[in-house]
Amino acid sequence: MDDLDRKIIRALNQNARKSYREVAKEVDSSVTAVIHRIKKFEEAGVLKGFIPVVDMESFGKNIVAVIALRISQGKLIETQKKIAEDDRVAAVYDVTGEWDSFVIAYFEDRQDLNNFIKTLLSHKNVDRSVTHMVLNVVKEERRILV
């Protein structure tokens, strides 16, 4: 990744709806070069798509939870994939340390969280969980700052 690549990514990070022409002007390059680089990023999987950054509370998701899980030996991947199918789940991480997995999920209210946790704990491969409710988001950056 060279300097022009980084400039293009920075421009898209500011606003992914910018036209190729706007990006080219901002990074001081030709429109053709910008189109070529962005297509190259997409084909290589560097850019996996363009999505809006949404305020979850505007959609009634008022609670964020970070859930640590201990999962039965040999059942990690299949259990994580099953958990990831739930629309409330934003991320499932396979981690090192005391826990096997961390889940980040968004809920409408405490009852919604309660139902999710009870369903999660009823899964035969989930041995233990610890749920942390987020009180305040200090930083939540979904873009990679290059």
N, C-alpha and C. Protein backbone atom coordinates (compact mmCIF):
# COMPACT_ATOMS: atom_id res chain seq x y z
N MET A 1 0.85 -1.17 0.00
CA MET A 1 0.00 0.00 0.00
C MET A 1 0.90 1.24 0.00
N ASP A 2 0.77 2.04 -1.03
CA ASP A 2 1.60 3.23 -1.13
C ASP A 2 0.86 4.46 -0.62
N ASP A 3 1.49 5.62 -0.77
CA ASP A 3 0.94 6.86 -0.25
C ASP A 3 -0.40 7.21 -0.91
N LEU A 4 -0.52 7.00 -2.22
CA LEU A 4 -1.77 7.29 -2.91
C LEU A 4 -2.90 6.38 -2.39
N ASP A 5 -2.59 5.12 -2.18
CA ASP A 5 -3.59 4.19 -1.62
C ASP A 5 -4.10 4.70 -0.27
N ARG A 6 -3.18 5.11 0.58
CA ARG A 6 -3.57 5.62 1.91
C ARG A 6 -4.44 6.87 1.79
N LYS A 7 -4.08 7.77 0.87
CA LYS A 7 -4.87 8.98 0.67
C LYS A 7 -6.28 8.66 0.21
N ILE A 8 -6.39 7.69 -0.68
CA ILE A 8 -7.72 7.28 -1.17
C ILE A 8 -8.55 6.70 -0.04
N ILE A 9 -7.96 5.84 0.75
CA ILE A 9 -8.68 5.24 1.89
C ILE A 9 -9.10 6.33 2.88
N ARG A 10 -8.20 7.29 3.17
CA ARG A 10 -8.55 8.40 4.07
C ARG A 10 -9.74 9.19 3.52
N ALA A 11 -9.74 9.46 2.21
CA ALA A 11 -10.84 10.20 1.60
C ALA A 11 -12.15 9.42 1.73
N LEU A 12 -12.10 8.12 1.50
CA LEU A 12 -13.30 7.29 1.61
C LEU A 12 -13.75 7.17 3.07
N ASN A 13 -12.79 7.16 4.00
CA ASN A 13 -13.14 7.12 5.42
C ASN A 13 -13.92 8.36 5.83
N GLN A 14 -13.59 9.50 5.25
CA GLN A 14 -14.31 10.74 5.57
C GLN A 14 -15.73 10.70 5.04
N ASN A 15 -15.88 10.15 3.83
CA ASN A 15 -17.21 10.05 3.22
C ASN A 15 -17.14 9.06 2.07
N ALA A 16 -17.63 7.87 2.28
CA ALA A 16 -17.55 6.82 1.26
C ALA A 16 -18.50 7.07 0.10
N ARG A 17 -19.33 8.11 0.18
CA ARG A 17 -20.24 8.44 -0.91
C ARG A 17 -19.63 9.44 -1.89
N LYS A 18 -18.40 9.83 -1.65
CA LYS A 18 -17.74 10.75 -2.58
C LYS A 18 -17.64 10.10 -3.95
N SER A 19 -17.77 10.92 -4.97
CA SER A 19 -17.60 10.40 -6.33
C SER A 19 -16.12 10.16 -6.58
N TYR A 20 -15.85 9.35 -7.61
CA TYR A 20 -14.45 9.12 -7.99
C TYR A 20 -13.78 10.46 -8.32
N ARG A 21 -14.52 11.35 -8.95
CA ARG A 21 -13.98 12.65 -9.32
C ARG A 21 -13.60 13.47 -8.07
N GLU A 22 -14.47 13.44 -7.05
CA GLU A 22 -14.17 14.16 -5.81
C GLU A 22 -12.95 13.57 -5.11
N VAL A 23 -12.86 12.25 -5.07
CA VAL A 23 -11.71 11.59 -4.45
C VAL A 23 -10.44 11.95 -5.21
N ALA A 24 -10.50 11.88 -6.52
CA ALA A 24 -9.33 12.19 -7.35
C ALA A 24 -8.84 13.61 -7.10
N LYS A 25 -9.76 14.54 -7.02
CA LYS A 25 -9.38 15.94 -6.76
C LYS A 25 -8.73 16.07 -5.38
N GLU A 26 -9.32 15.42 -4.40
CA GLU A 26 -8.81 15.50 -3.03
C GLU A 26 -7.40 14.90 -2.90
N VAL A 27 -7.14 13.81 -3.61
CA VAL A 27 -5.85 13.12 -3.47
C VAL A 27 -4.85 13.54 -4.55
N ASP A 28 -5.28 14.49 -5.38
CA ASP A 28 -4.41 15.01 -6.44
C ASP A 28 -3.94 13.91 -7.38
N SER A 29 -4.94 13.21 -7.95
CA SER A 29 -4.65 12.13 -8.89
C SER A 29 -5.71 12.14 -9.98
N SER A 30 -5.54 11.31 -10.98
CA SER A 30 -6.53 11.22 -12.05
C SER A 30 -7.71 10.35 -11.61
N VAL A 31 -8.85 10.61 -12.22
CA VAL A 31 -10.04 9.81 -11.93
C VAL A 31 -9.79 8.35 -12.31
N THR A 32 -9.12 8.13 -13.41
CA THR A 32 -8.82 6.77 -13.86
C THR A 32 -7.98 6.02 -12.84
N ALA A 33 -6.98 6.69 -12.29
CA ALA A 33 -6.12 6.05 -11.28
C ALA A 33 -6.91 5.71 -10.02
N VAL A 34 -7.79 6.61 -9.62
CA VAL A 34 -8.61 6.38 -8.42
C VAL A 34 -9.55 5.19 -8.65
N ILE A 35 -10.21 5.17 -9.80
CA ILE A 35 -11.11 4.06 -10.11
C ILE A 35 -10.34 2.74 -10.10
N HIS A 36 -9.19 2.72 -10.75
CA HIS A 36 -8.36 1.51 -10.81
C HIS A 36 -7.97 1.05 -9.40
N ARG A 37 -7.54 1.96 -8.56
CA ARG A 37 -7.10 1.58 -7.20
C ARG A 37 -8.28 1.06 -6.37
N ILE A 38 -9.41 1.74 -6.44
CA ILE A 38 -10.57 1.31 -5.65
C ILE A 38 -11.04 -0.06 -6.12
N LYS A 39 -11.09 -0.29 -7.41
CA LYS A 39 -11.45 -1.62 -7.95
C LYS A 39 -10.46 -2.68 -7.46
N LYS A 40 -9.17 -2.31 -7.45
CA LYS A 40 -8.13 -3.24 -6.97
C LYS A 40 -8.37 -3.57 -5.48
N PHE A 41 -8.72 -2.56 -4.69
CA PHE A 41 -9.02 -2.78 -3.27
C PHE A 41 -10.19 -3.74 -3.10
N GLU A 42 -11.22 -3.54 -3.92
CA GLU A 42 -12.42 -4.38 -3.82
C GLU A 42 -12.10 -5.82 -4.22
N GLU A 43 -11.39 -6.01 -5.30
CA GLU A 43 -11.04 -7.36 -5.77
C GLU A 43 -10.14 -8.09 -4.79
N ALA A 44 -9.25 -7.35 -4.12
CA ALA A 44 -8.33 -7.96 -3.15
C ALA A 44 -8.98 -8.16 -1.78
N GLY A 45 -10.19 -7.65 -1.59
CA GLY A 45 -10.86 -7.78 -0.29
C GLY A 45 -10.41 -6.75 0.72
N VAL A 46 -9.64 -5.75 0.28
CA VAL A 46 -9.23 -4.66 1.18
C VAL A 46 -10.46 -3.83 1.54
N LEU A 47 -11.28 -3.51 0.55
CA LEU A 47 -12.57 -2.86 0.77
C LEU A 47 -13.63 -3.94 0.61
N LYS A 48 -14.38 -4.17 1.67
CA LYS A 48 -15.38 -5.23 1.65
C LYS A 48 -16.77 -4.69 1.40
N GLY A 49 -16.89 -3.38 1.24
CA GLY A 49 -18.18 -2.76 0.99
C GLY A 49 -18.21 -1.37 1.55
N PHE A 50 -19.28 -0.68 1.30
CA PHE A 50 -19.47 0.68 1.79
C PHE A 50 -20.78 0.69 2.56
N ILE A 51 -20.70 1.04 3.84
CA ILE A 51 -21.91 1.02 4.67
C ILE A 51 -22.05 2.34 5.41
N PRO A 52 -23.28 2.71 5.75
CA PRO A 52 -23.46 3.92 6.56
C PRO A 52 -23.08 3.62 8.01
N VAL A 53 -22.57 4.61 8.70
CA VAL A 53 -22.33 4.48 10.14
C VAL A 53 -23.61 4.95 10.81
N VAL A 54 -24.30 4.03 11.45
CA VAL A 54 -25.65 4.27 11.96
C VAL A 54 -25.62 4.49 13.47
N ASP A 55 -26.42 5.44 13.93
CA ASP A 55 -26.61 5.65 15.36
C ASP A 55 -27.60 4.59 15.84
N MET A 56 -27.12 3.62 16.61
CA MET A 56 -27.95 2.49 17.01
C MET A 56 -29.17 2.92 17.84
N GLU A 57 -29.04 3.95 18.65
CA GLU A 57 -30.17 4.40 19.46
C GLU A 57 -31.32 4.91 18.60
N SER A 58 -31.00 5.44 17.42
CA SER A 58 -32.04 5.90 16.51
C SER A 58 -32.91 4.74 16.02
N PHE A 59 -32.39 3.53 16.13
CA PHE A 59 -33.13 2.34 15.73
C PHE A 59 -33.60 1.52 16.94
N GLY A 60 -33.64 2.18 18.09
CA GLY A 60 -34.17 1.54 19.28
C GLY A 60 -33.21 0.60 19.99
N LYS A 61 -31.95 0.60 19.58
CA LYS A 61 -30.95 -0.25 20.24
C LYS A 61 -30.27 0.58 21.32
N ASN A 62 -30.80 0.50 22.53
CA ASN A 62 -30.38 1.38 23.62
C ASN A 62 -29.34 0.77 24.56
N ILE A 63 -29.11 -0.51 24.43
CA ILE A 63 -28.16 -1.19 25.32
C ILE A 63 -27.11 -1.91 24.48
N VAL A 64 -25.85 -1.71 24.84
CA VAL A 64 -24.74 -2.44 24.23
C VAL A 64 -24.19 -3.37 25.30
N ALA A 65 -23.98 -4.61 24.94
CA ALA A 65 -23.42 -5.57 25.89
C ALA A 65 -22.17 -6.22 25.30
N VAL A 66 -21.20 -6.44 26.18
CA VAL A 66 -20.00 -7.20 25.85
C VAL A 66 -20.10 -8.47 26.67
N ILE A 67 -20.14 -9.60 25.98
CA ILE A 67 -20.40 -10.88 26.65
C ILE A 67 -19.21 -11.80 26.44
N ALA A 68 -18.63 -12.25 27.55
CA ALA A 68 -17.52 -13.21 27.51
C ALA A 68 -18.11 -14.61 27.64
N LEU A 69 -17.60 -15.53 26.82
CA LEU A 69 -18.13 -16.89 26.82
C LEU A 69 -17.04 -17.92 27.00
N ARG A 70 -17.37 -18.96 27.73
CA ARG A 70 -16.55 -20.16 27.76
C ARG A 70 -17.36 -21.22 27.03
N ILE A 71 -16.73 -21.82 26.02
CA ILE A 71 -17.43 -22.75 25.12
C ILE A 71 -16.79 -24.13 25.22
N SER A 72 -17.62 -25.15 25.16
CA SER A 72 -17.14 -26.54 25.26
C SER A 72 -16.02 -26.81 24.27
N GLN A 73 -15.03 -27.56 24.75
CA GLN A 73 -13.87 -27.88 23.92
C GLN A 73 -14.30 -28.61 22.65
N GLY A 74 -13.75 -28.15 21.53
CA GLY A 74 -14.06 -28.77 20.25
C GLY A 74 -15.32 -28.24 19.58
N LYS A 75 -16.02 -27.34 20.24
CA LYS A 75 -17.29 -26.83 19.70
C LYS A 75 -17.24 -25.32 19.46
N LEU A 76 -16.05 -24.75 19.50
CA LEU A 76 -15.91 -23.29 19.43
C LEU A 76 -16.47 -22.70 18.15
N ILE A 77 -15.97 -23.12 17.01
CA ILE A 77 -16.33 -22.50 15.74
C ILE A 77 -17.81 -22.67 15.44
N GLU A 78 -18.34 -23.86 15.61
CA GLU A 78 -19.76 -24.08 15.31
C GLU A 78 -20.66 -23.26 16.23
N THR A 79 -20.25 -23.11 17.49
CA THR A 79 -21.03 -22.32 18.45
C THR A 79 -20.96 -20.84 18.10
N GLN A 80 -19.77 -20.35 17.77
CA GLN A 80 -19.63 -18.95 17.40
C GLN A 80 -20.45 -18.63 16.15
N LYS A 81 -20.45 -19.52 15.17
CA LYS A 81 -21.23 -19.29 13.94
C LYS A 81 -22.72 -19.23 14.25
N LYS A 82 -23.18 -20.07 15.15
CA LYS A 82 -24.59 -20.07 15.53
C LYS A 82 -24.95 -18.76 16.22
N ILE A 83 -24.12 -18.32 17.14
CA ILE A 83 -24.36 -17.06 17.86
C ILE A 83 -24.36 -15.89 16.87
N ALA A 84 -23.46 -15.91 15.91
CA ALA A 84 -23.33 -14.83 14.93
C ALA A 84 -24.57 -14.67 14.06
N GLU A 85 -25.41 -15.67 13.98
CA GLU A 85 -26.62 -15.60 13.16
C GLU A 85 -27.67 -14.64 13.73
N ASP A 86 -27.59 -14.35 15.01
CA ASP A 86 -28.58 -13.47 15.65
C ASP A 86 -28.38 -12.03 15.18
N ASP A 87 -29.45 -11.37 14.76
CA ASP A 87 -29.38 -10.01 14.23
C ASP A 87 -28.90 -8.99 15.26
N ARG A 88 -29.04 -9.29 16.53
CA ARG A 88 -28.59 -8.35 17.57
C ARG A 88 -27.09 -8.36 17.75
N VAL A 89 -26.43 -9.39 17.24
CA VAL A 89 -24.99 -9.57 17.41
C VAL A 89 -24.24 -8.78 16.34
N ALA A 90 -23.37 -7.88 16.80
CA ALA A 90 -22.57 -7.06 15.88
C ALA A 90 -21.21 -7.70 15.63
N ALA A 91 -20.67 -8.42 16.62
CA ALA A 91 -19.34 -9.01 16.47
C ALA A 91 -19.21 -10.24 17.36
N VAL A 92 -18.47 -11.22 16.85
CA VAL A 92 -18.09 -12.40 17.64
C VAL A 92 -16.60 -12.56 17.45
N TYR A 93 -15.87 -12.53 18.56
CA TYR A 93 -14.42 -12.62 18.51
C TYR A 93 -13.94 -13.91 19.17
N ASP A 94 -13.01 -14.57 18.52
CA ASP A 94 -12.31 -15.74 19.05
C ASP A 94 -11.07 -15.17 19.73
N VAL A 95 -10.91 -15.37 21.03
CA VAL A 95 -9.85 -14.67 21.78
C VAL A 95 -8.97 -15.63 22.56
N THR A 96 -7.85 -15.10 23.00
CA THR A 96 -6.96 -15.84 23.89
C THR A 96 -7.30 -15.46 25.33
N GLY A 97 -6.77 -16.21 26.27
CA GLY A 97 -6.95 -15.87 27.67
C GLY A 97 -7.98 -16.74 28.36
N GLU A 98 -8.55 -16.20 29.41
CA GLU A 98 -9.48 -16.95 30.26
C GLU A 98 -10.77 -17.32 29.54
N TRP A 99 -11.20 -16.50 28.59
CA TRP A 99 -12.45 -16.74 27.87
C TRP A 99 -12.15 -17.23 26.46
N ASP A 100 -13.12 -17.89 25.88
CA ASP A 100 -12.96 -18.41 24.52
C ASP A 100 -13.43 -17.43 23.45
N SER A 101 -14.43 -16.64 23.81
CA SER A 101 -15.07 -15.79 22.81
C SER A 101 -15.66 -14.56 23.48
N PHE A 102 -15.68 -13.45 22.73
CA PHE A 102 -16.39 -12.25 23.16
C PHE A 102 -17.43 -11.92 22.10
N VAL A 103 -18.60 -11.52 22.58
CA VAL A 103 -19.71 -11.14 21.71
C VAL A 103 -20.07 -9.70 22.02
N ILE A 104 -20.21 -8.89 20.98
CA ILE A 104 -20.71 -7.52 21.12
C ILE A 104 -22.09 -7.52 20.50
N ALA A 105 -23.08 -7.08 21.28
CA ALA A 105 -24.45 -7.12 20.77
C ALA A 105 -25.23 -5.89 21.23
N TYR A 106 -26.26 -5.54 20.46
CA TYR A 106 -27.10 -4.37 20.72
C TYR A 106 -28.52 -4.82 21.02
N PHE A 107 -29.12 -4.20 22.05
CA PHE A 107 -30.44 -4.62 22.50
C PHE A 107 -31.36 -3.42 22.69
N GLU A 108 -32.66 -3.68 22.54
CA GLU A 108 -33.65 -2.61 22.71
C GLU A 108 -33.79 -2.21 24.17
N ASP A 109 -33.80 -3.21 25.06
CA ASP A 109 -33.99 -2.93 26.48
C ASP A 109 -33.46 -4.11 27.29
N ARG A 110 -33.62 -4.02 28.62
CA ARG A 110 -33.10 -5.09 29.49
C ARG A 110 -33.78 -6.42 29.21
N GLN A 111 -35.06 -6.40 28.91
CA GLN A 111 -35.78 -7.65 28.63
C GLN A 111 -35.23 -8.33 27.38
N ASP A 112 -34.92 -7.54 26.37
CA ASP A 112 -34.33 -8.07 25.14
C ASP A 112 -32.97 -8.70 25.45
N LEU A 113 -32.16 -8.03 26.25
CA LEU A 113 -30.86 -8.57 26.68
C LEU A 113 -31.07 -9.84 27.50
N ASN A 114 -32.00 -9.82 28.42
CA ASN A 114 -32.29 -10.97 29.26
C ASN A 114 -32.68 -12.19 28.41
N ASN A 115 -33.53 -11.98 27.43
CA ASN A 115 -33.95 -13.08 26.55
C ASN A 115 -32.76 -13.65 25.78
N PHE A 116 -31.91 -12.75 25.29
CA PHE A 116 -30.73 -13.18 24.54
C PHE A 116 -29.80 -14.03 25.42
N ILE A 117 -29.53 -13.55 26.63
CA ILE A 117 -28.63 -14.27 27.54
C ILE A 117 -29.20 -15.63 27.90
N LYS A 118 -30.49 -15.69 28.18
CA LYS A 118 -31.10 -16.98 28.53
C LYS A 118 -31.02 -17.96 27.36
N THR A 119 -31.25 -17.47 26.15
CA THR A 119 -31.13 -18.31 24.96
C THR A 119 -29.69 -18.77 24.78
N LEU A 120 -28.77 -17.84 24.98
CA LEU A 120 -27.34 -18.14 24.85
C LEU A 120 -26.93 -19.23 25.85
N LEU A 121 -27.36 -19.08 27.09
CA LEU A 121 -26.99 -20.05 28.13
C LEU A 121 -27.69 -21.39 27.97
N SER A 122 -28.77 -21.42 27.20
CA SER A 122 -29.44 -22.69 26.96
C SER A 122 -28.75 -23.49 25.86
N HIS A 123 -27.82 -22.84 25.15
CA HIS A 123 -27.06 -23.53 24.10
C HIS A 123 -26.17 -24.57 24.76
N LYS A 124 -26.24 -25.81 24.30
CA LYS A 124 -25.54 -26.91 24.96
C LYS A 124 -24.02 -26.73 25.03
N ASN A 125 -23.43 -25.92 24.14
CA ASN A 125 -21.98 -25.77 24.12
C ASN A 125 -21.47 -24.54 24.87
N VAL A 126 -22.38 -23.71 25.37
CA VAL A 126 -21.97 -22.55 26.16
C VAL A 126 -21.92 -22.98 27.62
N ASP A 127 -20.70 -23.01 28.16
CA ASP A 127 -20.50 -23.49 29.53
C ASP A 127 -20.68 -22.38 30.56
N ARG A 128 -20.29 -21.16 30.20
CA ARG A 128 -20.31 -20.06 31.16
C ARG A 128 -20.28 -18.74 30.41
N SER A 129 -20.87 -17.72 31.02
CA SER A 129 -20.81 -16.39 30.42
C SER A 129 -20.71 -15.32 31.49
N VAL A 130 -20.17 -14.20 31.11
CA VAL A 130 -20.17 -13.00 31.94
C VAL A 130 -20.59 -11.87 31.02
N THR A 131 -21.62 -11.13 31.44
CA THR A 131 -22.16 -10.06 30.61
C THR A 131 -21.83 -8.72 31.22
N HIS A 132 -21.31 -7.84 30.38
CA HIS A 132 -21.00 -6.47 30.79
C HIS A 132 -21.88 -5.53 29.97
N MET A 133 -22.61 -4.66 30.64
CA MET A 133 -23.40 -3.66 29.94
C MET A 133 -22.56 -2.39 29.80
N VAL A 134 -22.54 -1.84 28.61
CA VAL A 134 -21.78 -0.62 28.34
C VAL A 134 -22.55 0.56 28.93
N LEU A 135 -21.87 1.35 29.76
CA LEU A 135 -22.50 2.52 30.36
C LEU A 135 -22.30 3.77 29.52
N ASN A 136 -21.11 3.88 28.93
CA ASN A 136 -20.78 5.07 28.16
C ASN A 136 -19.78 4.68 27.08
N VAL A 137 -20.03 5.11 25.86
CA VAL A 137 -19.10 4.84 24.77
C VAL A 137 -18.15 6.02 24.66
N VAL A 138 -16.90 5.80 24.98
CA VAL A 138 -15.89 6.84 24.90
C VAL A 138 -15.37 6.95 23.47
N LYS A 139 -15.14 5.82 22.84
CA LYS A 139 -14.71 5.80 21.44
C LYS A 139 -15.19 4.50 20.82
N GLU A 140 -15.71 4.62 19.61
CA GLU A 140 -16.13 3.46 18.84
C GLU A 140 -15.86 3.79 17.38
N GLU A 141 -14.71 3.42 16.92
CA GLU A 141 -14.28 3.74 15.55
C GLU A 141 -14.32 2.49 14.71
N ARG A 142 -15.10 2.51 13.66
CA ARG A 142 -15.21 1.34 12.79
C ARG A 142 -14.31 1.44 11.58
N ARG A 143 -13.74 2.61 11.36
CA ARG A 143 -12.84 2.79 10.23
C ARG A 143 -11.40 2.50 10.65
N ILE A 144 -10.61 2.03 9.74
CA ILE A 144 -9.18 1.88 9.99
C ILE A 144 -8.52 3.18 9.57
N LEU A 145 -7.91 3.84 10.50
CA LEU A 145 -7.31 5.13 10.21
C LEU A 145 -5.88 4.91 9.70
N VAL A 146 -5.69 5.19 8.42
CA VAL A 146 -4.37 4.97 7.79
C VAL A 146 -3.67 6.28 7.53
